[in-house]
């Protein structure tokens, strides 16, 4: 099928996983009722974004993948005949955890997972404390409607990740995301930060001649035990879909939950790649040095 709809579930997350699971299942069902055949949820939607601090307590949230949450979505996906991308805190074994995106495809059920490759370590984004970098490589999963490429949040800044996933055959690059502003710097750098995020994703779509889908959470989540009530992350929502020519197909609000439905026409990939033949003109004989950390003379 060359034409279908994707659904983006932009949700505000509660501290209680069971509340988030029920909301995510309900919003996924609603997206399907609105015509979505492929649905994506935000990054780590089962809880508040816990990486704002380094604490052992959040490790209790980890679960196997596949596991109970993928089972819940597999039942829903089979009932509705949809594909779903589910972002989870994967417990691989004792002391070994990943930030993982699972892909579920209708009656086929769970079809595979991608483990986030690029792990940040920034103020209030202390992910290196929690997540081991992915070891499955870049992935693209054939499903009933399209081949889905799965990346996660911080991966969005790396053109190499987008390119490798596109070269795996992905028609759409999905980025479950948890990105927002620090309130103390929002006035000064907030607009530039948001624009950089969107421009980077649009560039991935153009450079690879494919669709890009970014699904963000929203709402202010305070830093645990902080004395300043403004200490936390204000997630900026604004989930969006980019066409292969870089145009924005749909964009969500900054201040409200939303279910976004966007039409996907895979024939536009051929049009874009013929008009801008970047894959044809790549100098694959010249790119080996990209595997170096820096091209100095040492």
Protein backbone atom coordinates (compact mmCIF):
# COMPACT_ATOMS: atom_id res chain seq x y z
CA UNK A 1 0.00 0.00 0.00
CA UNK A 2 1.58 3.30 -1.06
CA UNK A 3 -0.84 5.56 0.84
CA UNK A 4 -1.93 5.30 4.46
CA UNK A 5 -2.14 7.39 7.64
CA UNK A 6 0.21 7.68 10.58
CA UNK A 7 -0.99 8.66 14.03
CA UNK A 8 1.09 10.61 16.56
CA UNK A 9 0.12 10.34 20.21
CA UNK A 10 1.30 13.52 21.95
CA UNK A 11 0.56 12.98 25.63
CA UNK A 12 1.29 14.42 29.04
CA UNK A 13 2.68 11.76 31.33
CA UNK A 14 1.73 10.96 34.91
CA UNK A 15 4.02 9.66 37.64
CA UNK A 16 2.01 6.41 37.78
CA UNK A 17 2.82 3.86 35.02
CA UNK A 18 -0.62 2.23 35.08
CA UNK A 19 -2.28 5.60 34.42
CA UNK A 20 0.03 6.25 31.48
CA UNK A 21 -0.49 2.79 30.04
CA UNK A 22 -4.27 3.14 30.06
CA UNK A 23 -4.05 6.61 28.52
CA UNK A 24 -1.61 5.44 25.84
CA UNK A 25 -3.79 2.47 24.91
CA UNK A 26 -6.88 4.69 24.80
CA UNK A 27 -5.21 7.37 22.66
CA UNK A 28 -3.80 4.70 20.33
CA UNK A 29 -7.29 3.30 19.89
CA UNK A 30 -8.62 6.78 19.20
CA UNK A 31 -5.90 7.37 16.62
CA UNK A 32 -6.92 4.16 14.85
CA UNK A 33 -10.57 5.23 14.95
CA UNK A 34 -9.49 8.46 13.24
CA UNK A 35 -7.87 6.46 10.45
CA UNK A 36 -4.29 5.84 11.57
CA UNK A 37 -2.75 2.58 10.42
CA UNK A 38 0.66 3.19 12.03
CA UNK A 39 0.80 4.84 15.48
CA UNK A 40 3.81 6.13 17.43
CA UNK A 41 3.99 7.05 21.13
CA UNK A 42 6.45 9.43 22.85
CA UNK A 43 9.72 8.42 24.45
CA UNK A 44 9.43 6.60 27.80
CA UNK A 45 5.74 7.50 28.08
CA UNK A 46 5.04 5.09 30.97
CA UNK A 47 6.40 7.50 33.58
CA UNK A 48 7.66 11.00 34.17
CA UNK A 49 10.98 11.52 32.44
CA UNK A 50 13.14 10.18 35.27
CA UNK A 51 16.56 11.10 33.89
CA UNK A 52 16.41 14.61 35.38
CA UNK A 53 18.37 13.18 38.32
CA UNK A 54 20.60 10.20 39.00
CA UNK A 55 18.79 7.82 41.34
CA UNK A 56 18.49 4.06 41.73
CA UNK A 57 14.74 4.23 42.33
CA UNK A 58 13.71 4.55 38.62
CA UNK A 59 15.39 1.26 37.77
CA UNK A 60 12.30 -0.37 39.25
CA UNK A 61 10.46 0.87 36.13
CA UNK A 62 12.52 -1.33 33.80
CA UNK A 63 10.84 -4.27 32.08
CA UNK A 64 11.76 -6.92 29.50
CA UNK A 65 11.13 -6.27 25.81
CA UNK A 66 9.08 -8.11 24.70
CA UNK A 67 7.20 -8.07 27.96
CA UNK A 68 3.99 -6.87 29.61
CA UNK A 69 3.69 -3.54 27.83
CA UNK A 70 4.41 -4.94 24.38
CA UNK A 71 1.87 -7.68 25.14
CA UNK A 72 -0.79 -5.08 25.92
CA UNK A 73 -0.12 -3.21 22.70
CA UNK A 74 0.13 -6.43 20.69
CA UNK A 75 -3.42 -7.31 21.73
CA UNK A 76 -4.65 -3.85 20.72
CA UNK A 77 -2.70 -3.84 17.44
CA UNK A 78 -4.11 -7.25 16.47
CA UNK A 79 -7.65 -6.10 17.27
CA UNK A 80 -7.31 -2.87 15.28
CA UNK A 81 -4.97 -4.17 12.55
CA UNK A 82 -2.43 -1.40 13.09
CA UNK A 83 1.30 -1.11 13.63
CA UNK A 84 2.50 0.59 16.84
CA UNK A 85 5.89 1.95 17.93
CA UNK A 86 6.27 1.74 21.71
CA UNK A 87 9.15 3.40 23.62
CA UNK A 88 10.20 1.52 26.76
CA UNK A 89 12.76 1.34 29.56
CA UNK A 90 14.15 -2.10 28.80
CA UNK A 91 15.62 -4.26 31.55
CA UNK A 92 17.86 -6.65 29.68
CA UNK A 93 19.28 -8.36 32.78
CA UNK A 94 20.33 -7.36 36.28
CA UNK A 95 22.21 -4.05 36.02
CA UNK A 96 21.84 -3.72 32.23
CA UNK A 97 19.19 -1.39 30.82
CA UNK A 98 18.38 0.21 27.46
CA UNK A 99 16.16 2.94 26.05
CA UNK A 100 14.28 0.82 23.53
CA UNK A 101 11.68 1.22 20.80
CA UNK A 102 9.56 -1.86 20.10
CA UNK A 103 7.65 -2.40 16.86
CA UNK A 104 4.34 -4.27 16.82
CA UNK A 105 2.55 -5.07 13.57
CA UNK A 106 -1.12 -6.04 13.74
CA UNK A 107 -1.73 -9.77 13.69
CA UNK A 108 2.02 -10.37 13.37
CA UNK A 109 2.51 -9.05 16.89
CA UNK A 110 5.91 -8.01 18.18
CA UNK A 111 8.37 -7.89 15.27
CA UNK A 112 11.51 -6.43 16.82
CA UNK A 113 13.23 -3.66 18.72
CA UNK A 114 15.77 -0.89 18.37
CA UNK A 115 18.00 0.16 21.26
CA UNK A 116 18.84 3.86 21.38
CA UNK A 117 22.36 4.30 20.06
CA UNK A 118 23.22 7.85 21.15
CA UNK A 119 22.89 8.47 24.89
CA UNK A 120 23.05 12.07 26.20
CA UNK A 121 24.50 13.33 29.45
CA UNK A 122 23.32 16.91 29.90
CA UNK A 123 21.77 18.83 32.80
CA UNK A 124 18.42 17.13 33.59
CA UNK A 125 19.12 14.59 30.81
CA UNK A 126 21.41 12.22 32.71
CA UNK A 127 20.67 9.24 30.50
CA UNK A 128 24.14 7.71 30.65
CA UNK A 129 23.43 6.81 34.27
CA UNK A 130 20.48 4.67 33.20
CA UNK A 131 21.01 3.42 29.66
CA UNK A 132 23.64 1.30 27.98
CA UNK A 133 24.14 2.38 24.33
CA UNK A 134 22.34 0.21 21.84
CA UNK A 135 24.10 -2.82 20.40
CA UNK A 136 21.61 -3.89 17.72
CA UNK A 137 22.73 -1.36 15.14
CA UNK A 138 20.32 0.74 13.11
CA UNK A 139 17.08 -1.00 12.27
CA UNK A 140 14.21 -0.92 9.78
CA UNK A 141 11.19 -3.17 10.22
CA UNK A 142 8.94 -4.30 7.35
CA UNK A 143 5.27 -4.02 8.31
CA UNK A 144 1.98 -4.31 6.47
CA UNK A 145 1.94 -0.67 5.36
CA UNK A 146 5.60 0.40 5.18
CA UNK A 147 9.12 -0.28 6.36
CA UNK A 148 9.50 1.58 9.63
CA UNK A 149 12.80 2.98 10.83
CA UNK A 150 13.06 3.50 14.58
CA UNK A 151 15.38 5.98 16.24
CA UNK A 152 14.97 7.66 19.64
CA UNK A 153 15.23 11.32 20.71
CA UNK A 154 18.97 12.16 21.00
CA UNK A 155 19.55 10.11 17.84
CA UNK A 156 17.78 12.97 16.05
CA UNK A 157 20.91 15.14 16.03
CA UNK A 158 22.99 12.61 14.09
CA UNK A 159 22.75 12.58 10.29
CA UNK A 160 24.67 9.31 10.28
CA UNK A 161 21.85 7.60 12.22
CA UNK A 162 19.19 8.87 9.83
CA UNK A 163 21.25 7.87 6.81
CA UNK A 164 22.03 4.38 8.09
CA UNK A 165 18.38 3.74 8.90
CA UNK A 166 17.28 5.01 5.50
CA UNK A 167 19.88 2.78 3.84
CA UNK A 168 18.29 -0.14 5.67
CA UNK A 169 15.19 0.56 3.58
CA UNK A 170 13.11 2.67 5.96
CA UNK A 171 10.26 4.58 4.33
CA UNK A 172 9.66 6.57 7.52
CA UNK A 173 12.05 7.55 10.30
CA UNK A 174 10.22 7.58 13.65
CA UNK A 175 11.67 9.49 16.60
CA UNK A 176 9.87 8.93 19.93
CA UNK A 177 11.03 11.99 21.84
CA UNK A 178 11.19 13.73 25.23
CA UNK A 179 12.55 17.20 24.52
CA UNK A 180 11.82 20.49 26.19
CA UNK A 181 13.04 23.71 27.75
CA UNK A 182 14.75 24.52 31.02
CA UNK A 183 12.65 27.38 32.30
CA UNK A 184 15.64 29.42 33.47
CA UNK A 185 16.94 29.66 29.89
CA UNK A 186 13.74 29.44 27.85
CA UNK A 187 13.40 33.18 27.27
CA UNK A 188 16.96 33.50 25.97
CA UNK A 189 17.48 30.37 23.90
CA UNK A 190 14.08 28.61 23.77
CA UNK A 191 13.03 29.65 20.24
CA UNK A 192 16.45 28.78 18.81
CA UNK A 193 16.44 25.37 20.51
CA UNK A 194 13.04 24.48 19.11
CA UNK A 195 13.94 25.71 15.63
CA UNK A 196 17.18 23.68 15.65
CA UNK A 197 15.21 20.54 16.53
CA UNK A 198 12.72 20.99 13.74
CA UNK A 199 15.28 22.06 11.14
CA UNK A 200 17.47 19.05 11.93
CA UNK A 201 14.58 16.67 11.37
CA UNK A 202 13.51 18.37 8.16
CA UNK A 203 17.08 18.01 6.92
CA UNK A 204 16.97 14.26 7.59
CA UNK A 205 13.84 13.99 5.44
CA UNK A 206 15.39 15.98 2.59
CA UNK A 207 18.79 14.30 2.66
CA UNK A 208 17.27 10.82 2.65
CA UNK A 209 14.14 11.41 0.56
CA UNK A 210 11.88 9.83 3.16
CA UNK A 211 9.25 10.75 5.74
CA UNK A 212 10.24 11.75 9.29
CA UNK A 213 7.90 11.55 12.30
CA UNK A 214 8.78 13.16 15.66
CA UNK A 215 6.47 12.37 18.59
CA UNK A 216 7.07 14.43 21.74
CA UNK A 217 5.53 14.50 25.20
CA UNK A 218 4.40 17.78 26.74
CA UNK A 219 3.88 19.50 30.06
CA UNK A 220 6.15 20.62 32.89
CA UNK A 221 7.74 17.84 34.95
CA UNK A 222 9.57 19.05 38.08
CA UNK A 223 12.93 17.74 39.19
CA UNK A 224 12.40 15.45 42.20
CA UNK A 225 13.30 17.02 45.57
CA UNK A 226 14.19 20.39 44.01
CA UNK A 227 13.55 23.46 46.19
CA UNK A 228 12.84 25.69 43.19
CA UNK A 229 9.35 24.92 41.77
CA UNK A 230 10.62 25.91 38.30
CA UNK A 231 13.44 23.35 38.42
CA UNK A 232 12.50 20.75 35.83
CA UNK A 233 11.82 20.33 32.13
CA UNK A 234 8.97 21.96 30.23
CA UNK A 235 8.38 19.52 27.38
CA UNK A 236 7.33 21.50 24.35
CA UNK A 237 5.04 19.11 22.48
CA UNK A 238 4.80 20.27 18.84
CA UNK A 239 5.08 16.75 17.43
CA UNK A 240 5.28 16.83 13.66
CA UNK A 241 5.57 14.95 10.39
CA UNK A 242 7.92 15.90 7.55
CA UNK A 243 7.45 14.90 3.91
CA UNK A 244 10.40 13.80 1.73
CA UNK A 245 10.69 17.33 0.32
CA UNK A 246 11.14 18.78 3.82
CA UNK A 247 7.68 20.30 4.12
CA UNK A 248 5.74 20.02 7.38
CA UNK A 249 2.66 17.82 6.92
CA UNK A 250 1.19 18.34 10.40
CA UNK A 251 2.33 19.89 13.67
CA UNK A 252 0.88 19.53 17.16
CA UNK A 253 0.24 22.23 19.76
CA UNK A 254 2.76 23.34 22.37
CA UNK A 255 0.33 23.27 25.29
CA UNK A 256 -2.15 20.42 24.82
CA UNK A 257 -2.37 16.71 24.33
CA UNK A 258 -3.17 15.77 20.77
CA UNK A 259 -3.73 12.92 18.39
CA UNK A 260 -2.32 13.94 15.03
CA UNK A 261 -3.24 12.10 11.84
CA UNK A 262 -1.02 12.59 8.82
CA UNK A 263 -1.37 11.14 5.31
CA UNK A 264 1.65 9.27 3.97
CA UNK A 265 2.12 8.84 0.23
CA UNK A 266 5.17 6.67 -0.40
CA UNK A 267 5.20 7.61 -4.10
CA UNK A 268 6.55 10.99 -2.96
CA UNK A 269 9.78 9.25 -1.98
CA UNK A 270 10.42 8.29 -5.60
CA UNK A 271 9.61 11.82 -6.75
CA UNK A 272 11.96 13.34 -4.17
CA UNK A 273 14.81 10.92 -4.83
CA UNK A 274 14.61 11.35 -8.58
CA UNK A 275 14.55 15.13 -8.30
CA UNK A 276 17.24 15.26 -5.62
CA UNK A 277 19.33 12.13 -6.36
CA UNK A 278 21.43 12.29 -3.21
CA UNK A 279 21.56 8.51 -2.84
CA UNK A 280 22.78 8.19 -6.43
CA UNK A 281 25.53 10.77 -5.99
CA UNK A 282 26.90 9.63 -2.65
CA UNK A 283 30.67 9.09 -2.78
CA UNK A 284 30.71 5.87 -0.81
CA UNK A 285 34.37 5.37 -1.72
CA UNK A 286 35.31 8.50 0.22
CA UNK A 287 33.45 8.13 3.52
CA UNK A 288 35.56 5.58 5.41
CA UNK A 289 37.16 8.29 7.59
CA UNK A 290 33.74 8.95 9.15
CA UNK A 291 34.46 6.06 11.49
CA UNK A 292 37.26 8.11 13.10
CA UNK A 293 36.49 10.25 16.16
CA UNK A 294 38.18 13.30 14.58
CA UNK A 295 40.27 13.76 11.47
CA UNK A 296 43.42 15.12 13.06
CA UNK A 297 46.93 14.06 12.14
CA UNK A 298 47.72 12.02 15.25
